[in-house]
C-alpha cells in the first residue's frame, strides 16, 4: 500500500484547524512514515519521504507568513514540533550505525589518498 500523499495527509487534520496547523500535521505524518521506513531499513523510502518533507516545509514557510496562530494553535504547533523532532532523533539514531559503517569503509580510501 502506497503512503498517503500530501492532500490525504492534510485531510487527516481537523478541517477547522488553521492551514498552518494542517501543514505541521502533514509534516508530522510524513516524519512518522519516515520513522516507519527507517524501522523497516527502507532507506530509499526514508530519502524519498525526506524530499516530500522538504516540499512540505517550503509550503509551511509560505503559509506561516500569512497566518498567525492563537494560543491553542501555538500549543498544538509545539506538540507537533516535539513529535517531529523525536521522530527525527530516532531516525538519526537508527541511521548512525550505517553512517559509521560507511565512514569505516571510506577510511582506507582516505588514507591511501593522503599517503
PDB file of N, CA and C in Angstrom:
ATOM      1  N   UNK A   1       0.832  -1.175   0.000  1.00  0.00           N
ATOM      2  CA  UNK A   1       0.000   0.000   0.000  1.00  0.00           C
ATOM      3  C   UNK A   1       0.881   1.244   0.000  1.00  0.00           C
ATOM      4  N   UNK A   2       0.607   2.152  -0.895  1.00  0.00           N
ATOM      5  CA  UNK A   2       1.408   3.370  -1.021  1.00  0.00           C
ATOM      6  C   UNK A   2       1.113   4.319   0.137  1.00  0.00           C
ATOM      7  N   UNK A   3       2.146   5.053   0.584  1.00  0.00           N
ATOM      8  CA  UNK A   3       1.901   6.027   1.648  1.00  0.00           C
ATOM      9  C   UNK A   3       0.964   7.119   1.146  1.00  0.00           C
ATOM     10  N   UNK A   4       0.228   7.754   2.055  1.00  0.00           N
ATOM     11  CA  UNK A   4      -0.690   8.811   1.630  1.00  0.00           C
ATOM     12  C   UNK A   4       0.067   9.996   1.059  1.00  0.00           C
ATOM     13  N   UNK A   5      -0.591  10.680   0.114  1.00  0.00           N
ATOM     14  CA  UNK A   5       0.039  11.873  -0.443  1.00  0.00           C
ATOM     15  C   UNK A   5      -0.294  13.078   0.441  1.00  0.00           C
ATOM     16  N   UNK A   6       0.240  14.249   0.075  1.00  0.00           N
ATOM     17  CA  UNK A   6       0.074  15.437   0.906  1.00  0.00           C
ATOM     18  C   UNK A   6      -1.392  15.811   1.095  1.00  0.00           C
ATOM     19  N   UNK A   7      -2.203  15.665   0.061  1.00  0.00           N
ATOM     20  CA  UNK A   7      -3.623  16.021   0.182  1.00  0.00           C
ATOM     21  C   UNK A   7      -4.308  15.112   1.198  1.00  0.00           C
ATOM     22  N   UNK A   8      -3.998  13.817   1.151  1.00  0.00           N
ATOM     23  CA  UNK A   8      -4.581  12.889   2.115  1.00  0.00           C
ATOM     24  C   UNK A   8      -4.111  13.217   3.530  1.00  0.00           C
ATOM     25  N   UNK A   9      -2.844  13.575   3.682  1.00  0.00           N
ATOM     26  CA  UNK A   9      -2.327  13.919   4.999  1.00  0.00           C
ATOM     27  C   UNK A   9      -3.006  15.172   5.530  1.00  0.00           C
ATOM     28  N   UNK A  10      -3.217  16.162   4.692  1.00  0.00           N
ATOM     29  CA  UNK A  10      -3.857  17.397   5.126  1.00  0.00           C
ATOM     30  C   UNK A  10      -5.302  17.153   5.538  1.00  0.00           C
ATOM     31  N   UNK A  11      -5.978  16.218   4.871  1.00  0.00           N
ATOM     32  CA  UNK A  11      -7.366  15.916   5.206  1.00  0.00           C
ATOM     33  C   UNK A  11      -7.483  15.256   6.567  1.00  0.00           C
ATOM     34  N   UNK A  12      -6.439  14.589   7.032  1.00  0.00           N
ATOM     35  CA  UNK A  12      -6.476  13.936   8.335  1.00  0.00           C
ATOM     36  C   UNK A  12      -6.569  14.944   9.468  1.00  0.00           C
ATOM     37  N   UNK A  13      -5.984  16.135   9.266  1.00  0.00           N
ATOM     38  CA  UNK A  13      -6.057  17.176  10.288  1.00  0.00           C
ATOM     39  C   UNK A  13      -7.504  17.635  10.395  1.00  0.00           C
ATOM     40  N   UNK A  14      -7.855  18.107  11.567  1.00  0.00           N
ATOM     41  CA  UNK A  14      -9.220  18.594  11.765  1.00  0.00           C
ATOM     42  C   UNK A  14      -9.533  19.664  10.725  1.00  0.00           C
ATOM     43  N   UNK A  15     -10.681  19.558  10.035  1.00  0.00           N
ATOM     44  CA  UNK A  15     -10.991  20.524   8.979  1.00  0.00           C
ATOM     45  C   UNK A  15     -11.045  21.959   9.483  1.00  0.00           C
ATOM     46  N   UNK A  16     -11.375  22.148  10.765  1.00  0.00           N
ATOM     47  CA  UNK A  16     -11.457  23.509  11.290  1.00  0.00           C
ATOM     48  C   UNK A  16     -10.089  24.041  11.713  1.00  0.00           C
ATOM     49  N   UNK A  17      -9.071  23.206  11.687  1.00  0.00           N
ATOM     50  CA  UNK A  17      -7.723  23.635  12.064  1.00  0.00           C
ATOM     51  C   UNK A  17      -7.213  24.642  11.039  1.00  0.00           C
ATOM     52  N   UNK A  18      -6.487  25.658  11.524  1.00  0.00           N
ATOM     53  CA  UNK A  18      -5.897  26.618  10.582  1.00  0.00           C
ATOM     54  C   UNK A  18      -4.963  25.914   9.597  1.00  0.00           C
ATOM     55  N   UNK A  19      -4.819  26.519   8.434  1.00  0.00           N
ATOM     56  CA  UNK A  19      -3.972  25.929   7.387  1.00  0.00           C
ATOM     57  C   UNK A  19      -2.557  25.674   7.896  1.00  0.00           C
ATOM     58  N   UNK A  20      -2.041  26.559   8.734  1.00  0.00           N
ATOM     59  CA  UNK A  20      -0.683  26.388   9.243  1.00  0.00           C
ATOM     60  C   UNK A  20      -0.577  25.120  10.096  1.00  0.00           C
ATOM     61  N   UNK A  21      -1.570  24.870  10.936  1.00  0.00           N
ATOM     62  CA  UNK A  21      -1.563  23.649  11.752  1.00  0.00           C
ATOM     63  C   UNK A  21      -1.689  22.429  10.853  1.00  0.00           C
ATOM     64  N   UNK A  22      -2.490  22.521   9.809  1.00  0.00           N
ATOM     65  CA  UNK A  22      -2.596  21.385   8.875  1.00  0.00           C
ATOM     66  C   UNK A  22      -1.244  21.112   8.220  1.00  0.00           C
ATOM     67  N   UNK A  23      -0.462  22.161   7.961  1.00  0.00           N
ATOM     68  CA  UNK A  23       0.884  21.966   7.405  1.00  0.00           C
ATOM     69  C   UNK A  23       1.764  21.200   8.396  1.00  0.00           C
ATOM     70  N   UNK A  24       1.721  21.614   9.661  1.00  0.00           N
ATOM     71  CA  UNK A  24       2.506  20.914  10.682  1.00  0.00           C
ATOM     72  C   UNK A  24       2.040  19.469  10.837  1.00  0.00           C
ATOM     73  N   UNK A  25       0.721  19.244  10.768  1.00  0.00           N
ATOM     74  CA  UNK A  25       0.177  17.880  10.850  1.00  0.00           C
ATOM     75  C   UNK A  25       0.724  17.017   9.711  1.00  0.00           C
ATOM     76  N   UNK A  26       0.753  17.585   8.506  1.00  0.00           N
ATOM     77  CA  UNK A  26       1.256  16.835   7.344  1.00  0.00           C
ATOM     78  C   UNK A  26       2.728  16.490   7.518  1.00  0.00           C
ATOM     79  N   UNK A  27       3.516  17.432   8.018  1.00  0.00           N
ATOM     80  CA  UNK A  27       4.937  17.176   8.249  1.00  0.00           C
ATOM     81  C   UNK A  27       5.113  16.102   9.321  1.00  0.00           C
ATOM     82  N   UNK A  28       4.318  16.183  10.380  1.00  0.00           N
ATOM     83  CA  UNK A  28       4.387  15.170  11.439  1.00  0.00           C
ATOM     84  C   UNK A  28       4.019  13.795  10.902  1.00  0.00           C
ATOM     85  N   UNK A  29       2.984  13.733  10.056  1.00  0.00           N
ATOM     86  CA  UNK A  29       2.614  12.448   9.448  1.00  0.00           C
ATOM     87  C   UNK A  29       3.740  11.901   8.583  1.00  0.00           C
ATOM     88  N   UNK A  30       4.361  12.781   7.800  1.00  0.00           N
ATOM     89  CA  UNK A  30       5.465  12.342   6.953  1.00  0.00           C
ATOM     90  C   UNK A  30       6.639  11.875   7.807  1.00  0.00           C
ATOM     91  N   UNK A  31       6.898  12.559   8.910  1.00  0.00           N
ATOM     92  CA  UNK A  31       8.011  12.132   9.771  1.00  0.00           C
ATOM     93  C   UNK A  31       7.714  10.763  10.391  1.00  0.00           C
ATOM     94  N   UNK A  32       6.443  10.497  10.698  1.00  0.00           N
ATOM     95  CA  UNK A  32       6.079   9.161  11.209  1.00  0.00           C
ATOM     96  C   UNK A  32       6.299   8.093  10.136  1.00  0.00           C
ATOM     97  N   UNK A  33       5.960   8.430   8.894  1.00  0.00           N
ATOM     98  CA  UNK A  33       6.204   7.491   7.792  1.00  0.00           C
ATOM     99  C   UNK A  33       7.708   7.258   7.604  1.00  0.00           C
ATOM    100  N   UNK A  34       8.495   8.322   7.741  1.00  0.00           N
ATOM    101  CA  UNK A  34       9.947   8.188   7.634  1.00  0.00           C
ATOM    102  C   UNK A  34      10.479   7.262   8.723  1.00  0.00           C
ATOM    103  N   UNK A  35       9.965   7.428   9.933  1.00  0.00           N
ATOM    104  CA  UNK A  35      10.400   6.590  11.047  1.00  0.00           C
ATOM    105  C   UNK A  35      10.025   5.128  10.795  1.00  0.00           C
ATOM    106  N   UNK A  36       8.826   4.908  10.290  1.00  0.00           N
ATOM    107  CA  UNK A  36       8.402   3.534   9.981  1.00  0.00           C
ATOM    108  C   UNK A  36       9.313   2.934   8.911  1.00  0.00           C
ATOM    109  N   UNK A  37       9.671   3.717   7.911  1.00  0.00           N
ATOM    110  CA  UNK A  37      10.576   3.234   6.861  1.00  0.00           C
ATOM    111  C   UNK A  37      11.955   2.942   7.441  1.00  0.00           C
ATOM    112  N   UNK A  38      12.414   3.778   8.354  1.00  0.00           N
ATOM    113  CA  UNK A  38      13.718   3.548   8.994  1.00  0.00           C
ATOM    114  C   UNK A  38      13.688   2.262   9.814  1.00  0.00           C
ATOM    115  N   UNK A  39      12.591   2.030  10.524  1.00  0.00           N
ATOM    116  CA  UNK A  39      12.463   0.788  11.292  1.00  0.00           C
ATOM    117  C   UNK A  39      12.480  -0.435  10.374  1.00  0.00           C
ATOM    118  N   UNK A  40      11.983  -0.256   9.146  1.00  0.00           N
ATOM    119  CA  UNK A  40      11.967  -1.354   8.168  1.00  0.00           C
ATOM    120  C   UNK A  40      13.264  -1.405   7.363  1.00  0.00           C
ATOM    121  N   UNK A  41      14.239  -0.557   7.709  1.00  0.00           N
ATOM    122  CA  UNK A  41      15.502  -0.454   6.968  1.00  0.00           C
ATOM    123  C   UNK A  41      15.283  -0.154   5.490  1.00  0.00           C
ATOM    124  N   UNK A  42      14.231   0.608   5.195  1.00  0.00           N
ATOM    125  CA  UNK A  42      13.937   1.029   3.826  1.00  0.00           C
ATOM    126  C   UNK A  42      14.448   2.456   3.650  1.00  0.00           C
ATOM    127  N   UNK A  43      15.763   2.574   3.498  1.00  0.00           N
ATOM    128  CA  UNK A  43      16.392   3.892   3.470  1.00  0.00           C
ATOM    129  C   UNK A  43      16.082   4.651   2.192  1.00  0.00           C
ATOM    130  N   UNK A  44      15.786   3.943   1.107  1.00  0.00           N
ATOM    131  CA  UNK A  44      15.354   4.635  -0.116  1.00  0.00           C
ATOM    132  C   UNK A  44      14.035   5.368   0.135  1.00  0.00           C
ATOM    133  N   UNK A  45      13.139   4.714   0.871  1.00  0.00           N
ATOM    134  CA  UNK A  45      11.855   5.344   1.209  1.00  0.00           C
ATOM    135  C   UNK A  45      12.068   6.515   2.170  1.00  0.00           C
ATOM    136  N   UNK A  46      12.990   6.372   3.098  1.00  0.00           N
ATOM    137  CA  UNK A  46      13.297   7.476   4.017  1.00  0.00           C
ATOM    138  C   UNK A  46      13.752   8.691   3.202  1.00  0.00           C
ATOM    139  N   UNK A  47      14.620   8.478   2.245  1.00  0.00           N
ATOM    140  CA  UNK A  47      15.132   9.582   1.419  1.00  0.00           C
ATOM    141  C   UNK A  47      14.002  10.190   0.589  1.00  0.00           C
ATOM    142  N   UNK A  48      13.136   9.350   0.022  1.00  0.00           N
ATOM    143  CA  UNK A  48      12.010   9.858  -0.768  1.00  0.00           C
ATOM    144  C   UNK A  48      11.094  10.712   0.098  1.00  0.00           C
ATOM    145  N   UNK A  49      10.791  10.210   1.287  1.00  0.00           N
ATOM    146  CA  UNK A  49       9.913  10.946   2.197  1.00  0.00           C
ATOM    147  C   UNK A  49      10.583  12.221   2.710  1.00  0.00           C
ATOM    148  N   UNK A  50      11.901  12.187   2.844  1.00  0.00           N
ATOM    149  CA  UNK A  50      12.638  13.381   3.256  1.00  0.00           C
ATOM    150  C   UNK A  50      12.455  14.487   2.216  1.00  0.00           C
ATOM    151  N   UNK A  51      12.445  14.106   0.951  1.00  0.00           N
ATOM    152  CA  UNK A  51      12.184  15.078  -0.115  1.00  0.00           C
ATOM    153  C   UNK A  51      10.785  15.655  -0.012  1.00  0.00           C
ATOM    154  N   UNK A  52       9.809  14.789   0.268  1.00  0.00           N
ATOM    155  CA  UNK A  52       8.432  15.253   0.452  1.00  0.00           C
ATOM    156  C   UNK A  52       8.362  16.220   1.631  1.00  0.00           C
ATOM    157  N   UNK A  53       9.051  15.880   2.693  1.00  0.00           N
ATOM    158  CA  UNK A  53       9.063  16.716   3.890  1.00  0.00           C
ATOM    159  C   UNK A  53       9.647  18.098   3.567  1.00  0.00           C
ATOM    160  N   UNK A  54      10.678  18.131   2.767  1.00  0.00           N
ATOM    161  CA  UNK A  54      11.263  19.402   2.354  1.00  0.00           C
ATOM    162  C   UNK A  54      10.269  20.266   1.597  1.00  0.00           C
ATOM    163  N   UNK A  55       9.490  19.637   0.730  1.00  0.00           N
ATOM    164  CA  UNK A  55       8.451  20.365  -0.005  1.00  0.00           C
ATOM    165  C   UNK A  55       7.384  20.884   0.955  1.00  0.00           C
ATOM    166  N   UNK A  56       7.020  20.058   1.931  1.00  0.00           N
ATOM    167  CA  UNK A  56       6.015  20.466   2.907  1.00  0.00           C
ATOM    168  C   UNK A  56       6.519  21.636   3.751  1.00  0.00           C
ATOM    169  N   UNK A  57       7.778  21.620   4.099  1.00  0.00           N
ATOM    170  CA  UNK A  57       8.353  22.711   4.891  1.00  0.00           C
ATOM    171  C   UNK A  57       8.367  24.001   4.072  1.00  0.00           C
ATOM    172  N   UNK A  58       8.691  23.913   2.791  1.00  0.00           N
ATOM    173  CA  UNK A  58       8.668  25.097   1.932  1.00  0.00           C
ATOM    174  C   UNK A  58       7.255  25.682   1.882  1.00  0.00           C
ATOM    175  N   UNK A  59       6.254  24.818   1.783  1.00  0.00           N
ATOM    176  CA  UNK A  59       4.866  25.278   1.765  1.00  0.00           C
ATOM    177  C   UNK A  59       4.501  25.905   3.113  1.00  0.00           C
ATOM    178  N   UNK A  60       4.921  25.275   4.201  1.00  0.00           N
ATOM    179  CA  UNK A  60       4.653  25.788   5.537  1.00  0.00           C
ATOM    180  C   UNK A  60       5.205  27.206   5.684  1.00  0.00           C
ATOM    181  N   UNK A  61       6.403  27.437   5.171  1.00  0.00           N
ATOM    182  CA  UNK A  61       7.018  28.768   5.276  1.00  0.00           C
ATOM    183  C   UNK A  61       6.164  29.830   4.580  1.00  0.00           C
ATOM    184  N   UNK A  62       5.570  29.465   3.445  1.00  0.00           N
ATOM    185  CA  UNK A  62       4.699  30.406   2.739  1.00  0.00           C
ATOM    186  C   UNK A  62       3.441  30.691   3.556  1.00  0.00           C
ATOM    187  N   UNK A  63       2.842  29.652   4.089  1.00  0.00           N
ATOM    188  CA  UNK A  63       1.611  29.796   4.864  1.00  0.00           C
ATOM    189  C   UNK A  63       1.884  30.565   6.152  1.00  0.00           C
ATOM    190  N   UNK A  64       3.031  30.329   6.769  1.00  0.00           N
ATOM    191  CA  UNK A  64       3.356  30.956   8.057  1.00  0.00           C
ATOM    192  C   UNK A  64       3.428  32.473   7.954  1.00  0.00           C
ATOM    193  N   UNK A  65       3.784  32.976   6.785  1.00  0.00           N
ATOM    194  CA  UNK A  65       3.883  34.429   6.609  1.00  0.00           C
ATOM    195  C   UNK A  65       2.526  35.114   6.664  1.00  0.00           C
ATOM    196  N   UNK A  66       1.474  34.364   6.383  1.00  0.00           N
ATOM    197  CA  UNK A  66       0.157  34.983   6.260  1.00  0.00           C
ATOM    198  C   UNK A  66      -0.812  34.569   7.360  1.00  0.00           C
ATOM    199  N   UNK A  67      -0.418  33.670   8.239  1.00  0.00           N
ATOM    200  CA  UNK A  67      -1.382  33.146   9.190  1.00  0.00           C
ATOM    201  C   UNK A  67      -0.831  33.075  10.607  1.00  0.00           C
ATOM    202  N   UNK A  68      -1.168  34.053  11.447  1.00  0.00           N
ATOM    203  CA  UNK A  68      -0.748  33.975  12.850  1.00  0.00           C
ATOM    204  C   UNK A  68      -1.576  32.922  13.585  1.00  0.00           C
ATOM    205  N   UNK A  69      -1.034  32.398  14.662  1.00  0.00           N
ATOM    206  CA  UNK A  69      -1.733  31.378  15.446  1.00  0.00           C
ATOM    207  C   UNK A  69      -2.116  31.928  16.809  1.00  0.00           C
ATOM    208  N   UNK A  70      -3.271  31.498  17.279  1.00  0.00           N
ATOM    209  CA  UNK A  70      -3.686  31.828  18.629  1.00  0.00           C
ATOM    210  C   UNK A  70      -2.997  30.899  19.621  1.00  0.00           C
ATOM    211  N   UNK A  71      -3.264  31.102  20.898  1.00  0.00           N
ATOM    212  CA  UNK A  71      -2.616  30.311  21.950  1.00  0.00           C
ATOM    213  C   UNK A  71      -2.871  28.811  21.819  1.00  0.00           C
ATOM    214  N   UNK A  72      -4.117  28.353  21.611  1.00  0.00           N
ATOM    215  CA  UNK A  72      -4.314  26.896  21.479  1.00  0.00           C
ATOM    216  C   UNK A  72      -3.569  26.308  20.283  1.00  0.00           C
ATOM    217  N   UNK A  73      -3.537  27.067  19.185  1.00  0.00           N
ATOM    218  CA  UNK A  73      -2.834  26.579  17.997  1.00  0.00           C
ATOM    219  C   UNK A  73      -1.326  26.572  18.224  1.00  0.00           C
ATOM    220  N   UNK A  74      -0.825  27.555  18.979  1.00  0.00           N
ATOM    221  CA  UNK A  74       0.609  27.568  19.307  1.00  0.00           C
ATOM    222  C   UNK A  74       0.967  26.332  20.129  1.00  0.00           C
ATOM    223  N   UNK A  75       0.108  25.967  21.061  1.00  0.00           N
ATOM    224  CA  UNK A  75       0.356  24.752  21.854  1.00  0.00           C
ATOM    225  C   UNK A  75       0.393  23.521  20.966  1.00  0.00           C
ATOM    226  N   UNK A  76      -0.563  23.433  20.038  1.00  0.00           N
ATOM    227  CA  UNK A  76      -0.602  22.293  19.119  1.00  0.00           C
ATOM    228  C   UNK A  76       0.653  22.288  18.247  1.00  0.00           C
ATOM    229  N   UNK A  77       1.067  23.461  17.789  1.00  0.00           N
ATOM    230  CA  UNK A  77       2.277  23.575  16.957  1.00  0.00           C
ATOM    231  C   UNK A  77       3.486  23.039  17.724  1.00  0.00           C
ATOM    232  N   UNK A  78       3.622  23.421  18.986  1.00  0.00           N
ATOM    233  CA  UNK A  78       4.752  22.959  19.798  1.00  0.00           C
ATOM    234  C   UNK A  78       4.681  21.445  19.998  1.00  0.00           C
ATOM    235  N   UNK A  79       3.483  20.932  20.230  1.00  0.00           N
ATOM    236  CA  UNK A  79       3.295  19.481  20.374  1.00  0.00           C
ATOM    237  C   UNK A  79       3.747  18.749  19.107  1.00  0.00           C
ATOM    238  N   UNK A  80       3.350  19.276  17.963  1.00  0.00           N
ATOM    239  CA  UNK A  80       3.730  18.662  16.688  1.00  0.00           C
ATOM    240  C   UNK A  80       5.235  18.763  16.453  1.00  0.00           C
ATOM    241  N   UNK A  81       5.818  19.923  16.764  1.00  0.00           N
ATOM    242  CA  UNK A  81       7.266  20.082  16.591  1.00  0.00           C
ATOM    243  C   UNK A  81       8.035  19.091  17.467  1.00  0.00           C
ATOM    244  N   UNK A  82       7.577  18.894  18.686  1.00  0.00           N
ATOM    245  CA  UNK A  82       8.238  17.928  19.568  1.00  0.00           C
ATOM    246  C   UNK A  82       8.164  16.520  18.993  1.00  0.00           C
ATOM    247  N   UNK A  83       7.012  16.155  18.447  1.00  0.00           N
ATOM    248  CA  UNK A  83       6.867  14.827  17.848  1.00  0.00           C
ATOM    249  C   UNK A  83       7.783  14.688  16.631  1.00  0.00           C
ATOM    250  N   UNK A  84       7.844  15.731  15.806  1.00  0.00           N
ATOM    251  CA  UNK A  84       8.704  15.703  14.618  1.00  0.00           C
ATOM    252  C   UNK A  84      10.171  15.560  15.034  1.00  0.00           C
ATOM    253  N   UNK A  85      10.587  16.323  16.029  1.00  0.00           N
ATOM    254  CA  UNK A  85      11.979  16.244  16.495  1.00  0.00           C
ATOM    255  C   UNK A  85      12.294  14.886  17.115  1.00  0.00           C
ATOM    256  N   UNK A  86      11.349  14.313  17.837  1.00  0.00           N
ATOM    257  CA  UNK A  86      11.561  12.979  18.414  1.00  0.00           C
ATOM    258  C   UNK A  86      11.698  11.936  17.310  1.00  0.00           C
ATOM    259  N   UNK A  87      10.854  12.028  16.288  1.00  0.00           N
ATOM    260  CA  UNK A  87      10.967  11.104  15.157  1.00  0.00           C
ATOM    261  C   UNK A  87      12.304  11.268  14.464  1.00  0.00           C
ATOM    262  N   UNK A  88      12.716  12.515  14.252  1.00  0.00           N
ATOM    263  CA  UNK A  88      13.994  12.796  13.596  1.00  0.00           C
ATOM    264  C   UNK A  88      15.153  12.209  14.395  1.00  0.00           C
ATOM    265  N   UNK A  89      15.109  12.379  15.719  1.00  0.00           N
ATOM    266  CA  UNK A  89      16.182  11.840  16.559  1.00  0.00           C
ATOM    267  C   UNK A  89      16.227  10.319  16.466  1.00  0.00           C
ATOM    268  N   UNK A  90      15.070   9.684  16.443  1.00  0.00           N
ATOM    269  CA  UNK A  90      15.019   8.219  16.349  1.00  0.00           C
ATOM    270  C   UNK A  90      15.543   7.753  14.994  1.00  0.00           C
ATOM    271  N   UNK A  91      15.179   8.465  13.943  1.00  0.00           N
ATOM    272  CA  UNK A  91      15.671   8.108  12.597  1.00  0.00           C
ATOM    273  C   UNK A  91      17.193   8.238  12.555  1.00  0.00           C
ATOM    274  N   UNK A  92      17.721   9.326  13.102  1.00  0.00           N
ATOM    275  CA  UNK A  92      19.174   9.531  13.115  1.00  0.00           C
ATOM    276  C   UNK A  92      19.872   8.439  13.919  1.00  0.00           C
ATOM    277  N   UNK A  93      19.275   8.054  15.037  1.00  0.00           N
ATOM    278  CA  UNK A  93      19.865   7.001  15.865  1.00  0.00           C
ATOM    279  C   UNK A  93      19.905   5.679  15.093  1.00  0.00           C
ATOM    280  N   UNK A  94      18.862   5.422  14.304  1.00  0.00           N
ATOM    281  CA  UNK A  94      18.833   4.193  13.518  1.00  0.00           C
ATOM    282  C   UNK A  94      19.808   4.263  12.345  1.00  0.00           C
ATOM    283  N   UNK A  95      20.034   5.455  11.811  1.00  0.00           N
ATOM    284  CA  UNK A  95      20.941   5.625  10.671  1.00  0.00           C
ATOM    285  C   UNK A  95      22.392   5.649  11.102  1.00  0.00           C
ATOM    286  N   UNK A  96      22.654   5.999  12.353  1.00  0.00           N
ATOM    287  CA  UNK A  96      24.018   6.180  12.826  1.00  0.00           C
ATOM    288  C   UNK A  96      24.927   4.962  12.600  1.00  0.00           C
ATOM    289  N   UNK A  97      24.504   3.758  12.945  1.00  0.00           N
ATOM    290  CA  UNK A  97      25.399   2.612  12.689  1.00  0.00           C
ATOM    291  C   UNK A  97      25.754   2.470  11.207  1.00  0.00           C
ATOM    292  N   UNK A  98      24.790   2.737  10.350  1.00  0.00           N
ATOM    293  CA  UNK A  98      25.041   2.660   8.915  1.00  0.00           C
ATOM    294  C   UNK A  98      26.049   3.725   8.510  1.00  0.00           C
ATOM    295  N   UNK A  99      25.905   4.936   9.042  1.00  0.00           N
ATOM    296  CA  UNK A  99      26.845   6.012   8.712  1.00  0.00           C
ATOM    297  C   UNK A  99      28.237   5.696   9.231  1.00  0.00           C
ATOM    298  N   UNK A 100      28.328   5.120  10.431  1.00  0.00           N
ATOM    299  CA  UNK A 100      29.631   4.745  10.977  1.00  0.00           C
ATOM    300  C   UNK A 100      30.275   3.657  10.119  1.00  0.00           C
ATOM    301  N   UNK A 101      29.468   2.710   9.658  1.00  0.00           N
ATOM    302  CA  UNK A 101      29.992   1.661   8.782  1.00  0.00           C
ATOM    303  C   UNK A 101      30.505   2.270   7.477  1.00  0.00           C
ATOM    304  N   UNK A 102      29.769   3.224   6.935  1.00  0.00           N
ATOM    305  CA  UNK A 102      30.194   3.895   5.708  1.00  0.00           C
ATOM    306  C   UNK A 102      31.518   4.635   5.932  1.00  0.00           C
ATOM    307  N   UNK A 103      31.641   5.310   7.071  1.00  0.00           N
ATOM    308  CA  UNK A 103      32.894   6.001   7.391  1.00  0.00           C
ATOM    309  C   UNK A 103      34.067   5.026   7.453  1.00  0.00           C
ATOM    310  N   UNK A 104      33.847   3.873   8.087  1.00  0.00           N
ATOM    311  CA  UNK A 104      34.922   2.861   8.179  1.00  0.00           C
ATOM    312  C   UNK A 104      35.299   2.350   6.798  1.00  0.00           C
ATOM    313  N   UNK A 105      34.308   2.198   5.927  1.00  0.00           N
ATOM    314  CA  UNK A 105      34.589   1.722   4.572  1.00  0.00           C
ATOM    315  C   UNK A 105      35.389   2.758   3.785  1.00  0.00           C
ATOM    316  N   UNK A 106      35.109   4.037   4.024  1.00  0.00           N
ATOM    317  CA  UNK A 106      35.788   5.100   3.294  1.00  0.00           C
ATOM    318  C   UNK A 106      37.166   5.425   3.874  1.00  0.00           C
ATOM    319  N   UNK A 107      37.398   5.077   5.114  1.00  0.00           N
ATOM    320  CA  UNK A 107      38.654   5.429   5.799  1.00  0.00           C
ATOM    321  C   UNK A 107      39.898   4.927   5.046  1.00  0.00           C
ATOM    322  N   UNK A 108      39.951   3.669   4.595  1.00  0.00           N
ATOM    323  CA  UNK A 108      41.149   3.239   3.852  1.00  0.00           C
ATOM    324  C   UNK A 108      41.374   4.055   2.586  1.00  0.00           C
ATOM    325  N   UNK A 109      40.285   4.443   1.934  1.00  0.00           N
ATOM    326  CA  UNK A 109      40.423   5.242   0.727  1.00  0.00           C
ATOM    327  C   UNK A 109      41.003   6.609   1.051  1.00  0.00           C
ATOM    328  N   UNK A 110      40.613   7.184   2.163  1.00  0.00           N
ATOM    329  CA  UNK A 110      41.148   8.482   2.571  1.00  0.00           C
ATOM    330  C   UNK A 110      42.642   8.353   2.891  1.00  0.00           C
ATOM    331  N   UNK A 111      43.004   7.295   3.601  1.00  0.00           N
ATOM    332  CA  UNK A 111      44.410   7.087   3.949  1.00  0.00           C
ATOM    333  C   UNK A 111      45.278   6.908   2.728  1.00  0.00           C
ATOM    334  N   UNK A 112      44.765   6.211   1.729  1.00  0.00           N
ATOM    335  CA  UNK A 112      45.531   5.985   0.500  1.00  0.00           C
ATOM    336  C   UNK A 112      45.744   7.295  -0.248  1.00  0.00           C
ATOM    337  N   UNK A 113      44.765   8.183  -0.215  1.00  0.00           N
ATOM    338  CA  UNK A 113      44.928   9.474  -0.913  1.00  0.00           C
ATOM    339  C   UNK A 113      45.895  10.375  -0.195  1.00  0.00           C
ATOM    340  N   UNK A 114      45.923  10.274   1.145  1.00  0.00           N
ATOM    341  CA  UNK A 114      46.805  11.145   1.927  1.00  0.00           C
ATOM    342  C   UNK A 114      48.229  10.633   1.963  1.00  0.00           C
ATOM    343  N   UNK A 115      48.429   9.367   1.633  1.00  0.00           N
ATOM    344  CA  UNK A 115      49.749   8.753   1.754  1.00  0.00           C
ATOM    345  C   UNK A 115      50.622   8.932   0.617  1.00  0.00           C
TER     346      UNK A 115
END
